[in-house]
Amino acid sequence: MNISNLAAMTVVLLVFYVGVRYCIKVVRKEISPRVATWLIFEVGVVMSLASYLGGRDHSLIKAVLNVADCIQVTVILFTLLIEQRSRKINLTRNEIVSLCLSGLAATAWIITKTGWIGFIGFQTVMTVAYLPTIESLWNWKHGPSPEPMEKWSLNVAITLIGVFVDLTGRHDYLAMIYPLRALLLCIVVVVLIKRWEMKSKAESALQ
């Protein structure tokens, strides 16, 4: 087994590990994520993978993070739908924008039948889907961070390995966009969680 395949397998195992821990937290009622946000992630990862694989030149190894994310997000979404089946799904402005962008990207992809147009469009959707999380972390409030550092630190490691997989062997620049976009956004979230923790510690020290 070459180093690229080993790295790809590591990505899959880490993604599934993070996904299982997340689902356990949902079932135990330790967290209560928004169903609408994960619905947007579902649309983004599924259509992103479909548009990439719809191109003439693609590789499942190069798209390993997208494939693993697709399975993980689907399982998390179904878990949330079962656990929160009695709640009404309300969409925020950012979530509505994300779904509209998904529709536009899907329409452009179907009309042009050009994989990279849909792929880039769905990466934009995935970027917008992070905005509610980034916004909640930026607007610091008293108490513990709304997002766990462990999960997002692992996400940084996963996406970094994903970028490495795409850099090895034949360069597939289209596939490389997915882990690179995810890496940058996960780093932003980790920095904001650290900022939150530092502000909480500073406030506690003053009391």
Protein backbone atom coordinates (compact mmCIF):
# COMPACT_ATOMS: atom_id res chain seq x y z
CA MET A 1 0.00 0.00 0.00
CA ASN A 2 1.51 3.35 -1.05
CA ILE A 3 1.53 6.44 1.15
CA SER A 4 -1.32 8.10 -0.76
CA ASN A 5 -3.67 5.15 -0.21
CA LEU A 6 -2.64 4.93 3.46
CA ALA A 7 -3.38 8.64 3.93
CA ALA A 8 -6.74 8.20 2.20
CA MET A 9 -7.64 5.32 4.52
CA THR A 10 -6.63 7.44 7.53
CA VAL A 11 -8.94 10.23 6.34
CA VAL A 12 -11.87 7.83 6.06
CA LEU A 13 -11.29 6.35 9.54
CA LEU A 14 -10.94 9.78 11.17
CA VAL A 15 -14.05 11.15 9.45
CA PHE A 16 -16.10 8.16 10.58
CA TYR A 17 -14.69 8.46 14.12
CA VAL A 18 -15.70 12.13 14.34
CA GLY A 19 -19.10 11.34 12.83
CA VAL A 20 -19.83 8.51 15.30
CA ARG A 21 -18.84 10.65 18.30
CA TYR A 22 -21.06 13.47 17.00
CA CYS A 23 -24.05 11.14 16.60
CA ILE A 24 -23.51 9.77 20.12
CA LYS A 25 -23.56 13.32 21.51
CA VAL A 26 -26.80 14.00 19.62
CA VAL A 27 -28.47 10.83 20.95
CA ARG A 28 -27.32 11.61 24.50
CA LYS A 29 -28.74 15.13 24.14
CA GLU A 30 -25.31 16.62 24.89
CA ILE A 31 -25.61 18.85 21.80
CA SER A 32 -28.57 20.08 19.79
CA PRO A 33 -27.44 21.08 16.28
CA ARG A 34 -29.69 22.74 13.73
CA VAL A 35 -31.23 20.25 11.28
CA ALA A 36 -31.41 22.94 8.58
CA THR A 37 -27.64 23.52 8.71
CA TRP A 38 -26.90 19.82 8.24
CA LEU A 39 -29.47 19.67 5.45
CA ILE A 40 -27.43 22.32 3.62
CA PHE A 41 -24.23 20.37 4.26
CA GLU A 42 -25.98 17.28 2.84
CA VAL A 43 -26.95 19.10 -0.36
CA GLY A 44 -23.46 20.58 -0.65
CA VAL A 45 -21.42 17.39 -0.16
CA VAL A 46 -23.69 15.14 -2.26
CA MET A 47 -23.93 17.54 -5.21
CA SER A 48 -20.24 18.43 -4.94
CA LEU A 49 -19.31 14.75 -5.22
CA ALA A 50 -21.82 14.14 -8.01
CA SER A 51 -20.55 17.09 -10.07
CA TYR A 52 -16.92 16.01 -9.58
CA LEU A 53 -17.60 12.39 -10.53
CA GLY A 54 -19.66 13.63 -13.47
CA GLY A 55 -16.50 15.01 -15.06
CA ARG A 56 -14.40 13.06 -17.53
CA ASP A 57 -11.27 12.80 -15.40
CA HIS A 58 -11.84 11.90 -11.76
CA SER A 59 -10.46 9.71 -9.00
CA LEU A 60 -12.17 8.31 -5.91
CA ILE A 61 -8.84 8.40 -4.06
CA LYS A 62 -8.42 12.10 -4.81
CA ALA A 63 -12.01 12.75 -3.73
CA VAL A 64 -11.75 10.57 -0.61
CA LEU A 65 -12.60 13.39 1.81
CA ASN A 66 -15.67 14.34 -0.21
CA VAL A 67 -16.81 10.68 -0.30
CA ALA A 68 -16.26 10.19 3.45
CA ASP A 69 -17.98 13.51 4.24
CA CYS A 70 -20.94 12.49 2.09
CA ILE A 71 -21.48 9.32 4.14
CA GLN A 72 -20.80 11.06 7.47
CA VAL A 73 -23.15 14.01 6.84
CA THR A 74 -25.92 11.68 5.63
CA VAL A 75 -25.72 9.58 8.82
CA ILE A 76 -25.63 12.69 11.05
CA LEU A 77 -28.60 14.22 9.21
CA PHE A 78 -30.70 11.06 9.63
CA THR A 79 -29.75 10.89 13.32
CA LEU A 80 -30.84 14.50 13.79
CA LEU A 81 -34.10 13.96 11.89
CA ILE A 82 -34.94 10.98 14.15
CA GLU A 83 -33.92 12.70 17.40
CA GLN A 84 -35.56 16.04 16.57
CA ARG A 85 -38.57 14.74 14.61
CA SER A 86 -40.99 16.68 16.81
CA ARG A 87 -39.34 20.04 16.07
CA LYS A 88 -40.17 22.34 13.19
CA ILE A 89 -37.31 23.09 10.79
CA ASN A 90 -36.82 26.87 10.60
CA LEU A 91 -34.36 28.40 8.12
CA THR A 92 -32.20 31.43 8.88
CA ARG A 93 -31.27 33.98 6.22
CA ASN A 94 -27.85 32.36 5.67
CA GLU A 95 -29.45 28.93 5.33
CA ILE A 96 -31.94 30.21 2.75
CA VAL A 97 -29.06 31.83 0.82
CA SER A 98 -27.17 28.52 0.90
CA LEU A 99 -30.14 26.57 -0.45
CA CYS A 100 -30.68 29.17 -3.19
CA LEU A 101 -27.01 28.93 -4.16
CA SER A 102 -27.37 25.15 -4.24
CA GLY A 103 -30.28 25.49 -6.66
CA LEU A 104 -28.33 27.89 -8.89
CA ALA A 105 -25.24 25.67 -8.89
CA ALA A 106 -27.33 22.58 -9.69
CA THR A 107 -29.13 24.41 -12.51
CA ALA A 108 -25.84 25.67 -14.01
CA TRP A 109 -24.37 22.17 -13.78
CA ILE A 110 -27.40 20.52 -15.42
CA ILE A 111 -27.58 23.09 -18.23
CA THR A 112 -23.87 23.27 -19.05
CA LYS A 113 -23.05 19.64 -18.11
CA THR A 114 -19.68 21.00 -16.99
CA GLY A 115 -18.44 19.37 -13.81
CA TRP A 116 -16.20 22.18 -12.59
CA ILE A 117 -19.04 24.75 -12.72
CA GLY A 118 -21.20 22.68 -10.38
CA PHE A 119 -18.24 21.72 -8.21
CA ILE A 120 -17.14 25.34 -7.66
CA GLY A 121 -20.74 26.35 -7.04
CA PHE A 122 -21.23 23.74 -4.35
CA GLN A 123 -17.95 24.71 -2.67
CA THR A 124 -19.43 28.20 -2.40
CA VAL A 125 -22.53 26.67 -0.79
CA MET A 126 -20.38 24.77 1.71
CA THR A 127 -18.51 27.98 2.56
CA VAL A 128 -21.72 29.91 3.22
CA ALA A 129 -22.98 27.01 5.38
CA TYR A 130 -20.14 27.69 7.83
CA LEU A 131 -21.23 31.29 8.41
CA PRO A 132 -23.75 30.57 11.23
CA THR A 133 -21.06 28.68 13.18
CA ILE A 134 -18.47 31.40 12.60
CA GLU A 135 -20.98 34.09 13.54
CA SER A 136 -21.96 32.37 16.80
CA LEU A 137 -18.31 31.98 17.81
CA TRP A 138 -17.45 35.56 16.90
CA ASN A 139 -20.29 36.95 19.04
CA TRP A 140 -18.69 35.86 22.29
CA LYS A 141 -20.97 35.23 25.25
CA HIS A 142 -20.38 34.02 28.79
CA GLY A 143 -19.90 30.32 29.37
CA PRO A 144 -18.40 27.37 27.46
CA SER A 145 -17.81 27.46 23.71
CA PRO A 146 -20.79 26.31 21.59
CA GLU A 147 -18.43 24.15 19.52
CA PRO A 148 -16.03 21.46 20.85
CA MET A 149 -12.32 22.07 20.23
CA GLU A 150 -11.68 18.31 19.91
CA LYS A 151 -14.01 17.90 16.93
CA TRP A 152 -12.70 20.89 15.00
CA SER A 153 -9.05 20.13 15.76
CA LEU A 154 -9.58 16.66 14.31
CA ASN A 155 -11.31 18.23 11.31
CA VAL A 156 -8.17 20.32 10.68
CA ALA A 157 -6.03 17.16 10.79
CA ILE A 158 -8.44 15.33 8.47
CA THR A 159 -8.55 18.10 5.87
CA LEU A 160 -4.76 18.52 6.04
CA ILE A 161 -4.36 14.83 5.22
CA GLY A 162 -6.95 15.28 2.46
CA VAL A 163 -4.86 18.05 0.91
CA PHE A 164 -1.78 15.81 1.14
CA VAL A 165 -3.61 13.00 -0.69
CA ASP A 166 -4.48 15.37 -3.52
CA LEU A 167 -0.91 16.70 -3.72
CA THR A 168 0.61 13.24 -4.15
CA GLY A 169 0.79 11.51 -7.53
CA ARG A 170 -1.21 13.01 -10.38
CA HIS A 171 -2.38 16.49 -9.46
CA ASP A 172 -6.15 16.81 -9.60
CA TYR A 173 -6.62 20.51 -8.94
CA LEU A 174 -10.41 20.29 -9.04
CA ALA A 175 -10.50 17.61 -6.32
CA MET A 176 -7.94 19.61 -4.30
CA ILE A 177 -10.40 22.51 -3.89
CA TYR A 178 -12.65 20.47 -1.54
CA PRO A 179 -10.12 19.67 1.23
CA LEU A 180 -8.36 23.03 0.84
CA ARG A 181 -11.62 24.93 1.32
CA ALA A 182 -12.52 22.74 4.28
CA LEU A 183 -9.04 23.16 5.82
CA LEU A 184 -9.17 26.96 5.72
CA LEU A 185 -12.67 27.10 7.21
CA CYS A 186 -11.88 24.58 9.95
CA ILE A 187 -8.78 26.60 10.91
CA VAL A 188 -10.97 29.72 11.18
CA VAL A 189 -13.39 27.86 13.47
CA VAL A 190 -10.53 26.51 15.66
CA VAL A 191 -9.05 30.02 16.00
CA LEU A 192 -12.46 31.40 17.02
CA ILE A 193 -12.99 28.59 19.56
CA LYS A 194 -9.56 29.38 21.04
CA ARG A 195 -10.49 33.07 21.14
CA TRP A 196 -13.73 32.16 22.95
CA GLU A 197 -11.85 30.05 25.51
CA MET A 198 -9.28 32.80 26.15
CA LYS A 199 -12.01 35.40 26.71
CA SER A 200 -13.87 33.04 29.05
CA LYS A 201 -10.69 32.40 31.07
CA ALA A 202 -9.92 36.11 31.23
CA GLU A 203 -13.41 36.84 32.52
CA SER A 204 -13.17 34.07 35.13
CA ALA A 205 -9.83 35.47 36.35
CA LEU A 206 -11.44 38.87 36.93
CA GLN A 207 -14.23 37.46 39.07
